[in-house]
Structures are given as structure tokens and as C-alpha cells.
Amino acid sequence: MKIAEVGNIIEFKDGLRGIVEKVNENSVIVNITIMDNFHELEMEEKTVVNHKRYKILANHE
């Protein structure tokens, strides 16, 4: 299992996407405000995702 790094864009929970802001031992903290429909989702700006529950879409530069 490849663990995301700060700046990576990941996908989780059936299509939600976000930018990794912090990497913890078992999870990452993700900012999901990059999604076009963020305001329609009525979710917090950041969420925690377990390493087993996401896939990396793009690496940081």
C-alpha cells in the first residue's frame, strides 16, 4: 500500500476528492474544498481518511 504525501490529490468514499494536508500514522487529513460541488455537499472543509480507504490520483510537484 502506497501512503499519500502532503500535496497529493486523493479519491475516497465513492468519488470525493481532496488535497492531503497532513500525514498521520494511520490516516491523512484532506482538504476537500477543491471539489467543484463542495458547497453542495454540506461537509466540513477537512476530513480524516484512513490509509486503506483512498487511492492517489496525482502526486505533488
C-alpha atoms as a PDB file:
ATOM      1  CA  MET A   1       0.000   0.000   0.000  1.00  0.00           C
ATOM      2  CA  LYS A   2       1.429   3.365  -1.048  1.00  0.00           C
ATOM      3  CA  ILE A   3       0.874   6.108   1.508  1.00  0.00           C
ATOM      4  CA  ALA A   4      -0.028   9.569   0.225  1.00  0.00           C
ATOM      5  CA  GLU A   5       2.216  12.554   0.864  1.00  0.00           C
ATOM      6  CA  VAL A   6       1.364  16.177   1.607  1.00  0.00           C
ATOM      7  CA  GLY A   7       0.145  17.798  -1.609  1.00  0.00           C
ATOM      8  CA  ASN A   8      -1.153  14.594  -3.226  1.00  0.00           C
ATOM      9  CA  ILE A   9      -4.672  14.574  -4.614  1.00  0.00           C
ATOM     10  CA  ILE A  10      -6.600  11.513  -3.444  1.00  0.00           C
ATOM     11  CA  GLU A  11     -10.011   9.993  -4.065  1.00  0.00           C
ATOM     12  CA  PHE A  12     -12.083   8.334  -1.353  1.00  0.00           C
ATOM     13  CA  LYS A  13     -15.675   7.428  -0.433  1.00  0.00           C
ATOM     14  CA  ASP A  14     -17.128   6.877  -3.931  1.00  0.00           C
ATOM     15  CA  GLY A  15     -15.684   9.880  -5.714  1.00  0.00           C
ATOM     16  CA  LEU A  16     -14.838  12.505  -3.094  1.00  0.00           C
ATOM     17  CA  ARG A  17     -11.503  14.171  -3.819  1.00  0.00           C
ATOM     18  CA  GLY A  18      -9.136  16.326  -1.849  1.00  0.00           C
ATOM     19  CA  ILE A  19      -5.585  17.501  -1.261  1.00  0.00           C
ATOM     20  CA  VAL A  20      -3.588  15.847   1.521  1.00  0.00           C
ATOM     21  CA  GLU A  21      -2.590  18.444   4.128  1.00  0.00           C
ATOM     22  CA  LYS A  22      -1.115  16.190   6.823  1.00  0.00           C
ATOM     23  CA  VAL A  23       0.001  12.574   7.019  1.00  0.00           C
ATOM     24  CA  ASN A  24      -0.584  10.693  10.276  1.00  0.00           C
ATOM     25  CA  GLU A  25       0.409   7.150  11.244  1.00  0.00           C
ATOM     26  CA  ASN A  26      -2.882   5.560  10.138  1.00  0.00           C
ATOM     27  CA  SER A  27      -4.601   8.313   8.177  1.00  0.00           C
ATOM     28  CA  VAL A  28      -4.337  11.559   6.234  1.00  0.00           C
ATOM     29  CA  ILE A  29      -6.077  14.895   6.749  1.00  0.00           C
ATOM     30  CA  VAL A  30      -7.622  16.030   3.470  1.00  0.00           C
ATOM     31  CA  ASN A  31      -8.888  19.442   2.323  1.00  0.00           C
ATOM     32  CA  ILE A  32     -11.923  18.796   0.082  1.00  0.00           C
ATOM     33  CA  THR A  33     -12.618  22.405  -0.926  1.00  0.00           C
ATOM     34  CA  ILE A  34     -11.026  21.708  -4.350  1.00  0.00           C
ATOM     35  CA  MET A  35     -14.160  19.854  -5.428  1.00  0.00           C
ATOM     36  CA  ASP A  36     -16.426  21.834  -7.765  1.00  0.00           C
ATOM     37  CA  ASN A  37     -19.532  20.826  -5.808  1.00  0.00           C
ATOM     38  CA  PHE A  38     -18.005  21.321  -2.347  1.00  0.00           C
ATOM     39  CA  HIS A  39     -20.706  23.763  -1.157  1.00  0.00           C
ATOM     40  CA  GLU A  40     -23.493  21.396  -2.245  1.00  0.00           C
ATOM     41  CA  LEU A  41     -22.028  18.561  -0.137  1.00  0.00           C
ATOM     42  CA  GLU A  42     -22.597  20.403   3.154  1.00  0.00           C
ATOM     43  CA  MET A  43     -19.434  18.915   4.638  1.00  0.00           C
ATOM     44  CA  GLU A  44     -16.591  20.360   6.682  1.00  0.00           C
ATOM     45  CA  GLU A  45     -13.583  21.706   4.734  1.00  0.00           C
ATOM     46  CA  LYS A  46     -11.307  18.966   6.060  1.00  0.00           C
ATOM     47  CA  THR A  47     -11.773  15.300   6.811  1.00  0.00           C
ATOM     48  CA  VAL A  48      -9.706  12.341   8.004  1.00  0.00           C
ATOM     49  CA  VAL A  49      -9.261   9.321   5.734  1.00  0.00           C
ATOM     50  CA  ASN A  50      -7.648   6.006   6.702  1.00  0.00           C
ATOM     51  CA  HIS A  51      -4.719   4.930   4.505  1.00  0.00           C
ATOM     52  CA  LYS A  52      -6.684   1.831   3.444  1.00  0.00           C
ATOM     53  CA  ARG A  53      -9.625   3.898   2.147  1.00  0.00           C
ATOM     54  CA  TYR A  54      -8.196   6.116  -0.595  1.00  0.00           C
ATOM     55  CA  LYS A  55      -6.308   5.991  -3.856  1.00  0.00           C
ATOM     56  CA  ILE A  56      -3.747   8.518  -5.015  1.00  0.00           C
ATOM     57  CA  LEU A  57      -4.790  10.368  -8.188  1.00  0.00           C
ATOM     58  CA  ALA A  58      -1.890  12.822  -8.560  1.00  0.00           C
ATOM     59  CA  ASN A  59       1.450  13.283  -6.876  1.00  0.00           C
ATOM     60  CA  HIS A  60       2.529  16.665  -5.556  1.00  0.00           C
ATOM     61  CA  GLU A  61       5.060  18.622  -7.534  1.00  0.00           C
END
